[in-house]
C-alpha atoms as a PDB file:
ATOM      1  CA  UNK A   1      -6.648   3.973  20.501  1.00  0.00           C
ATOM      2  CA  UNK A   2      -5.124   3.891  23.982  1.00  0.00           C
ATOM      3  CA  UNK A   3      -1.753   3.210  25.608  1.00  0.00           C
ATOM      4  CA  UNK A   4      -0.899   0.473  28.093  1.00  0.00           C
ATOM      5  CA  UNK A   5       2.240   0.904  30.178  1.00  0.00           C
ATOM      6  CA  UNK A   6       3.475  -2.525  31.231  1.00  0.00           C
ATOM      7  CA  UNK A   7       6.077  -3.823  33.659  1.00  0.00           C
ATOM      8  CA  UNK A   8       5.037  -1.440  36.446  1.00  0.00           C
ATOM      9  CA  UNK A   9       6.565  -2.337  39.813  1.00  0.00           C
ATOM     10  CA  UNK A  10       6.066   0.791  41.910  1.00  0.00           C
ATOM     11  CA  UNK A  11       3.530   3.478  42.798  1.00  0.00           C
ATOM     12  CA  UNK A  12       5.497   6.415  41.392  1.00  0.00           C
ATOM     13  CA  UNK A  13       5.715   4.958  37.893  1.00  0.00           C
ATOM     14  CA  UNK A  14       2.059   3.913  37.929  1.00  0.00           C
ATOM     15  CA  UNK A  15       0.772   7.348  38.906  1.00  0.00           C
ATOM     16  CA  UNK A  16       3.070   9.063  36.409  1.00  0.00           C
ATOM     17  CA  UNK A  17       1.781   6.817  33.628  1.00  0.00           C
ATOM     18  CA  UNK A  18      -1.787   7.786  34.492  1.00  0.00           C
ATOM     19  CA  UNK A  19      -0.888  11.470  34.657  1.00  0.00           C
ATOM     20  CA  UNK A  20       0.699  11.307  31.206  1.00  0.00           C
ATOM     21  CA  UNK A  21      -2.381   9.658  29.682  1.00  0.00           C
ATOM     22  CA  UNK A  22      -2.031   5.874  29.917  1.00  0.00           C
ATOM     23  CA  UNK A  23      -5.340   4.013  29.816  1.00  0.00           C
ATOM     24  CA  UNK A  24      -4.079   0.709  31.227  1.00  0.00           C
ATOM     25  CA  UNK A  25      -1.340  -0.306  33.665  1.00  0.00           C
ATOM     26  CA  UNK A  26       0.310  -3.725  33.412  1.00  0.00           C
ATOM     27  CA  UNK A  27       1.808  -5.759  36.258  1.00  0.00           C
ATOM     28  CA  UNK A  28       3.943  -8.800  35.406  1.00  0.00           C
ATOM     29  CA  UNK A  29       3.307 -11.746  37.716  1.00  0.00           C
ATOM     30  CA  UNK A  30       6.067 -14.059  36.506  1.00  0.00           C
ATOM     31  CA  UNK A  31       8.975 -14.536  38.894  1.00  0.00           C
ATOM     32  CA  UNK A  32      11.535 -15.026  36.129  1.00  0.00           C
ATOM     33  CA  UNK A  33      10.892 -11.570  34.655  1.00  0.00           C
ATOM     34  CA  UNK A  34      13.178  -8.635  35.570  1.00  0.00           C
ATOM     35  CA  UNK A  35       9.919  -6.650  35.759  1.00  0.00           C
ATOM     36  CA  UNK A  36       8.185  -9.065  38.108  1.00  0.00           C
ATOM     37  CA  UNK A  37       5.738  -7.424  40.502  1.00  0.00           C
ATOM     38  CA  UNK A  38       4.909  -8.812  43.939  1.00  0.00           C
ATOM     39  CA  UNK A  39       1.222  -8.620  44.919  1.00  0.00           C
ATOM     40  CA  UNK A  40       2.159  -7.837  48.525  1.00  0.00           C
ATOM     41  CA  UNK A  41       4.063  -4.720  47.428  1.00  0.00           C
ATOM     42  CA  UNK A  42       1.393  -3.534  44.988  1.00  0.00           C
ATOM     43  CA  UNK A  43      -1.625  -4.116  47.208  1.00  0.00           C
ATOM     44  CA  UNK A  44      -1.047  -1.115  49.559  1.00  0.00           C
ATOM     45  CA  UNK A  45      -1.308   1.443  46.741  1.00  0.00           C
ATOM     46  CA  UNK A  46      -3.062  -0.085  43.733  1.00  0.00           C
ATOM     47  CA  UNK A  47      -6.424   1.335  44.834  1.00  0.00           C
ATOM     48  CA  UNK A  48      -4.947   4.822  44.391  1.00  0.00           C
ATOM     49  CA  UNK A  49      -5.225   4.361  40.629  1.00  0.00           C
ATOM     50  CA  UNK A  50      -8.314   6.083  39.207  1.00  0.00           C
ATOM     51  CA  UNK A  51     -11.293   3.813  38.652  1.00  0.00           C
ATOM     52  CA  UNK A  52     -11.207   4.405  34.894  1.00  0.00           C
ATOM     53  CA  UNK A  53      -7.709   2.953  34.560  1.00  0.00           C
ATOM     54  CA  UNK A  54      -7.598  -0.720  33.625  1.00  0.00           C
ATOM     55  CA  UNK A  55      -5.333  -2.851  35.846  1.00  0.00           C
ATOM     56  CA  UNK A  56      -3.852  -5.691  33.811  1.00  0.00           C
ATOM     57  CA  UNK A  57      -2.116  -8.730  35.279  1.00  0.00           C
ATOM     58  CA  UNK A  58       0.392 -10.413  32.972  1.00  0.00           C
ATOM     59  CA  UNK A  59       0.754 -14.179  33.474  1.00  0.00           C
ATOM     60  CA  UNK A  60       2.771 -16.939  31.797  1.00  0.00           C
ATOM     61  CA  UNK A  61       1.413 -20.501  32.040  1.00  0.00           C
ATOM     62  CA  UNK A  62      -0.026 -19.781  35.463  1.00  0.00           C
ATOM     63  CA  UNK A  63      -2.744 -21.913  37.020  1.00  0.00           C
ATOM     64  CA  UNK A  64      -6.223 -20.399  36.626  1.00  0.00           C
ATOM     65  CA  UNK A  65      -6.833 -20.580  40.370  1.00  0.00           C
ATOM     66  CA  UNK A  66      -3.683 -18.547  41.069  1.00  0.00           C
ATOM     67  CA  UNK A  67      -4.697 -15.920  38.514  1.00  0.00           C
ATOM     68  CA  UNK A  68      -8.171 -15.730  40.026  1.00  0.00           C
ATOM     69  CA  UNK A  69      -6.711 -15.305  43.509  1.00  0.00           C
ATOM     70  CA  UNK A  70      -4.337 -12.499  42.502  1.00  0.00           C
ATOM     71  CA  UNK A  71      -7.033 -10.819  40.419  1.00  0.00           C
ATOM     72  CA  UNK A  72      -9.461 -10.814  43.331  1.00  0.00           C
ATOM     73  CA  UNK A  73      -6.834  -9.612  45.805  1.00  0.00           C
ATOM     74  CA  UNK A  74      -5.738  -6.683  43.629  1.00  0.00           C
ATOM     75  CA  UNK A  75      -9.080  -6.113  41.872  1.00  0.00           C
ATOM     76  CA  UNK A  76      -7.534  -6.568  38.435  1.00  0.00           C
ATOM     77  CA  UNK A  77      -9.625  -5.848  35.355  1.00  0.00           C
ATOM     78  CA  UNK A  78      -7.785  -8.012  32.822  1.00  0.00           C
ATOM     79  CA  UNK A  79      -5.596 -11.126  32.719  1.00  0.00           C
ATOM     80  CA  UNK A  80      -3.081 -10.950  29.869  1.00  0.00           C
ATOM     81  CA  UNK A  81      -1.899 -14.486  29.046  1.00  0.00           C
ATOM     82  CA  UNK A  82       1.521 -15.075  27.477  1.00  0.00           C
ATOM     83  CA  UNK A  83       2.006 -18.818  27.706  1.00  0.00           C
ATOM     84  CA  UNK A  84       0.524 -21.858  26.013  1.00  0.00           C
ATOM     85  CA  UNK A  85      -2.884 -21.445  27.621  1.00  0.00           C
ATOM     86  CA  UNK A  86      -6.003 -22.605  25.796  1.00  0.00           C
ATOM     87  CA  UNK A  87      -9.515 -21.171  26.115  1.00  0.00           C
ATOM     88  CA  UNK A  88     -10.418 -24.088  28.382  1.00  0.00           C
ATOM     89  CA  UNK A  89      -7.691 -22.952  30.795  1.00  0.00           C
ATOM     90  CA  UNK A  90      -8.814 -19.340  31.089  1.00  0.00           C
ATOM     91  CA  UNK A  91      -9.396 -18.012  34.606  1.00  0.00           C
ATOM     92  CA  UNK A  92     -12.970 -17.096  35.482  1.00  0.00           C
ATOM     93  CA  UNK A  93     -14.534 -13.746  36.296  1.00  0.00           C
ATOM     94  CA  UNK A  94     -11.936 -11.624  34.529  1.00  0.00           C
ATOM     95  CA  UNK A  95     -11.465 -10.274  31.017  1.00  0.00           C
ATOM     96  CA  UNK A  96      -8.807 -12.013  28.900  1.00  0.00           C
ATOM     97  CA  UNK A  97      -6.207 -10.524  26.569  1.00  0.00           C
ATOM     98  CA  UNK A  98      -4.137 -13.161  24.750  1.00  0.00           C
ATOM     99  CA  UNK A  99      -0.552 -12.414  23.711  1.00  0.00           C
ATOM    100  CA  UNK A 100       1.351 -14.028  20.853  1.00  0.00           C
ATOM    101  CA  UNK A 101       5.079 -13.521  20.251  1.00  0.00           C
ATOM    102  CA  UNK A 102       5.984 -13.153  16.583  1.00  0.00           C
ATOM    103  CA  UNK A 103       9.593 -13.731  15.527  1.00  0.00           C
ATOM    104  CA  UNK A 104       9.206 -13.923  11.732  1.00  0.00           C
ATOM    105  CA  UNK A 105       6.775 -12.640   9.108  1.00  0.00           C
ATOM    106  CA  UNK A 106       5.783 -16.227   8.389  1.00  0.00           C
ATOM    107  CA  UNK A 107       4.576 -16.773  11.967  1.00  0.00           C
ATOM    108  CA  UNK A 108       0.815 -17.149  12.210  1.00  0.00           C
ATOM    109  CA  UNK A 109      -1.461 -15.679  14.870  1.00  0.00           C
ATOM    110  CA  UNK A 110      -4.922 -17.186  15.394  1.00  0.00           C
ATOM    111  CA  UNK A 111      -8.048 -15.089  15.731  1.00  0.00           C
ATOM    112  CA  UNK A 112      -8.201 -16.249  19.335  1.00  0.00           C
ATOM    113  CA  UNK A 113     -11.397 -16.075  21.447  1.00  0.00           C
ATOM    114  CA  UNK A 114     -10.371 -13.313  23.849  1.00  0.00           C
ATOM    115  CA  UNK A 115     -11.405  -9.729  24.388  1.00  0.00           C
ATOM    116  CA  UNK A 116      -8.241  -8.634  22.593  1.00  0.00           C
ATOM    117  CA  UNK A 117      -5.166 -10.133  20.950  1.00  0.00           C
ATOM    118  CA  UNK A 118      -1.725  -8.702  21.673  1.00  0.00           C
ATOM    119  CA  UNK A 119       0.856  -9.222  18.941  1.00  0.00           C
ATOM    120  CA  UNK A 120       4.364  -8.964  20.359  1.00  0.00           C
ATOM    121  CA  UNK A 121       6.882  -8.400  17.621  1.00  0.00           C
ATOM    122  CA  UNK A 122       7.445  -6.007  14.721  1.00  0.00           C
ATOM    123  CA  UNK A 123       7.982  -8.896  12.279  1.00  0.00           C
ATOM    124  CA  UNK A 124       4.263  -9.702  12.019  1.00  0.00           C
ATOM    125  CA  UNK A 125       2.737  -9.392   8.552  1.00  0.00           C
ATOM    126  CA  UNK A 126      -0.001  -6.888   9.374  1.00  0.00           C
ATOM    127  CA  UNK A 127      -1.733  -7.451   6.038  1.00  0.00           C
ATOM    128  CA  UNK A 128      -3.197 -10.546   7.735  1.00  0.00           C
ATOM    129  CA  UNK A 129      -4.763  -8.441  10.474  1.00  0.00           C
ATOM    130  CA  UNK A 130      -7.682  -7.200   8.380  1.00  0.00           C
ATOM    131  CA  UNK A 131      -9.371 -10.583   8.831  1.00  0.00           C
ATOM    132  CA  UNK A 132      -9.224 -10.519  12.632  1.00  0.00           C
ATOM    133  CA  UNK A 133     -12.520 -10.220  14.475  1.00  0.00           C
ATOM    134  CA  UNK A 134     -11.012  -9.216  17.827  1.00  0.00           C
ATOM    135  CA  UNK A 135      -9.307  -5.939  18.776  1.00  0.00           C
ATOM    136  CA  UNK A 136      -5.540  -5.922  18.274  1.00  0.00           C
ATOM    137  CA  UNK A 137      -2.866  -4.558  20.594  1.00  0.00           C
ATOM    138  CA  UNK A 138       0.517  -3.673  19.093  1.00  0.00           C
ATOM    139  CA  UNK A 139       3.572  -4.471  21.234  1.00  0.00           C
ATOM    140  CA  UNK A 140       7.211  -5.479  21.008  1.00  0.00           C
ATOM    141  CA  UNK A 141      10.197  -3.230  20.385  1.00  0.00           C
ATOM    142  CA  UNK A 142       8.230   0.003  20.674  1.00  0.00           C
ATOM    143  CA  UNK A 143       9.978   3.206  21.772  1.00  0.00           C
ATOM    144  CA  UNK A 144       9.137   6.920  21.708  1.00  0.00           C
ATOM    145  CA  UNK A 145      11.112   7.114  18.470  1.00  0.00           C
ATOM    146  CA  UNK A 146       9.277   4.433  16.492  1.00  0.00           C
ATOM    147  CA  UNK A 147       5.771   4.119  17.942  1.00  0.00           C
ATOM    148  CA  UNK A 148       4.146   6.675  15.626  1.00  0.00           C
ATOM    149  CA  UNK A 149       5.602   5.013  12.515  1.00  0.00           C
ATOM    150  CA  UNK A 150       4.638   1.574  13.826  1.00  0.00           C
ATOM    151  CA  UNK A 151       1.026   2.627  14.378  1.00  0.00           C
ATOM    152  CA  UNK A 152       0.910   4.227  10.922  1.00  0.00           C
ATOM    153  CA  UNK A 153       2.207   1.007   9.336  1.00  0.00           C
ATOM    154  CA  UNK A 154      -0.431  -1.106  11.085  1.00  0.00           C
ATOM    155  CA  UNK A 155      -3.180   1.342  10.116  1.00  0.00           C
ATOM    156  CA  UNK A 156      -2.615   0.549   6.460  1.00  0.00           C
ATOM    157  CA  UNK A 157      -4.359  -2.760   7.221  1.00  0.00           C
ATOM    158  CA  UNK A 158      -6.410  -2.286  10.385  1.00  0.00           C
ATOM    159  CA  UNK A 159      -6.996   0.101  13.265  1.00  0.00           C
ATOM    160  CA  UNK A 160      -5.018  -0.971  16.366  1.00  0.00           C
ATOM    161  CA  UNK A 161      -7.028  -0.900  19.572  1.00  0.00           C
ATOM    162  CA  UNK A 162      -3.983  -0.109  21.710  1.00  0.00           C
ATOM    163  CA  UNK A 163      -0.193  -0.019  21.955  1.00  0.00           C
ATOM    164  CA  UNK A 164       1.741  -1.647  24.794  1.00  0.00           C
ATOM    165  CA  UNK A 165       5.243  -0.740  25.990  1.00  0.00           C
ATOM    166  CA  UNK A 166       7.552  -1.890  28.778  1.00  0.00           C
ATOM    167  CA  UNK A 167      11.316  -1.939  28.140  1.00  0.00           C
ATOM    168  CA  UNK A 168      11.242   0.846  25.550  1.00  0.00           C
ATOM    169  CA  UNK A 169      10.669   3.494  28.217  1.00  0.00           C
ATOM    170  CA  UNK A 170      12.752   2.135  31.074  1.00  0.00           C
ATOM    171  CA  UNK A 171      15.596   3.681  33.033  1.00  0.00           C
ATOM    172  CA  UNK A 172      16.361   0.141  34.268  1.00  0.00           C
ATOM    173  CA  UNK A 173      14.328  -3.089  34.340  1.00  0.00           C
ATOM    174  CA  UNK A 174      11.182  -2.400  36.345  1.00  0.00           C
ATOM    175  CA  UNK A 175      11.837   1.339  36.624  1.00  0.00           C
ATOM    176  CA  UNK A 176      10.418   3.801  34.103  1.00  0.00           C
ATOM    177  CA  UNK A 177      12.103   6.864  32.655  1.00  0.00           C
ATOM    178  CA  UNK A 178       9.296   9.375  33.153  1.00  0.00           C
ATOM    179  CA  UNK A 179      10.445  11.702  30.381  1.00  0.00           C
ATOM    180  CA  UNK A 180      10.507   8.841  27.863  1.00  0.00           C
ATOM    181  CA  UNK A 181       7.183   7.526  29.130  1.00  0.00           C
ATOM    182  CA  UNK A 182       5.536  10.909  28.589  1.00  0.00           C
ATOM    183  CA  UNK A 183       7.132  11.210  25.153  1.00  0.00           C
ATOM    184  CA  UNK A 184       5.940   7.723  24.196  1.00  0.00           C
ATOM    185  CA  UNK A 185       2.333   8.349  25.149  1.00  0.00           C
ATOM    186  CA  UNK A 186       2.286  11.677  23.318  1.00  0.00           C
ATOM    187  CA  UNK A 187       3.828  10.118  20.194  1.00  0.00           C
ATOM    188  CA  UNK A 188       1.499   7.110  20.258  1.00  0.00           C
ATOM    189  CA  UNK A 189      -1.615   9.243  20.531  1.00  0.00           C
ATOM    190  CA  UNK A 190      -0.399  11.881  18.099  1.00  0.00           C
ATOM    191  CA  UNK A 191      -0.971  14.559  20.705  1.00  0.00           C
ATOM    192  CA  UNK A 192      -4.650  13.629  21.023  1.00  0.00           C
ATOM    193  CA  UNK A 193      -6.604  13.240  24.253  1.00  0.00           C
ATOM    194  CA  UNK A 194      -6.289   9.688  25.663  1.00  0.00           C
ATOM    195  CA  UNK A 195      -9.120   7.393  24.653  1.00  0.00           C
ATOM    196  CA  UNK A 196     -11.097   6.441  27.779  1.00  0.00           C
ATOM    197  CA  UNK A 197     -12.879   3.748  25.817  1.00  0.00           C
ATOM    198  CA  UNK A 198     -15.097   0.987  27.095  1.00  0.00           C
ATOM    199  CA  UNK A 199     -14.318  -2.675  26.699  1.00  0.00           C
ATOM    200  CA  UNK A 200     -15.359  -4.017  23.300  1.00  0.00           C
ATOM    201  CA  UNK A 201     -18.542  -6.024  23.035  1.00  0.00           C
ATOM    202  CA  UNK A 202     -17.879  -9.727  22.688  1.00  0.00           C
END
């Protein structure tokens, strides 16, 4: 299992996340978000991230051509889609993670054709996850205080591929609290060495 730190807007937070053991760094490209990142401000330093760190662009109902342009400009590894996109609307030449927000235990999540499925919300009935054929990423409401218990609860039904956090380790929107970020990564991984895993085989 690995950790993705999302909502990164600045070089200092990105490099600290890597130092503490994050495997993936997420940049939100949605202007309405308080964690929105501007490609022009990220471009001067994004290449300073180690080559083994996955750079993930988060998009909401964005046009495929725009995603492809930003991905090429910043050399992103993954597009994480949070809107109403369908497989036919996926951008080309980039790996896809598909996010689904869950508000109630009765909400359903499809076994969507993407490299991984991100389930955003602690209300999801994880007993359904055993039937999924794609790797699962746990997100939504995670903090240094609850991530270990959340992972343990999911593991009763399936092995999560990753955990994803943004607001749960912030000092303010778009700015990370480095002490909480380090604590989160340590708690999520149970003190183990970060998993520098390869992308799953489709």
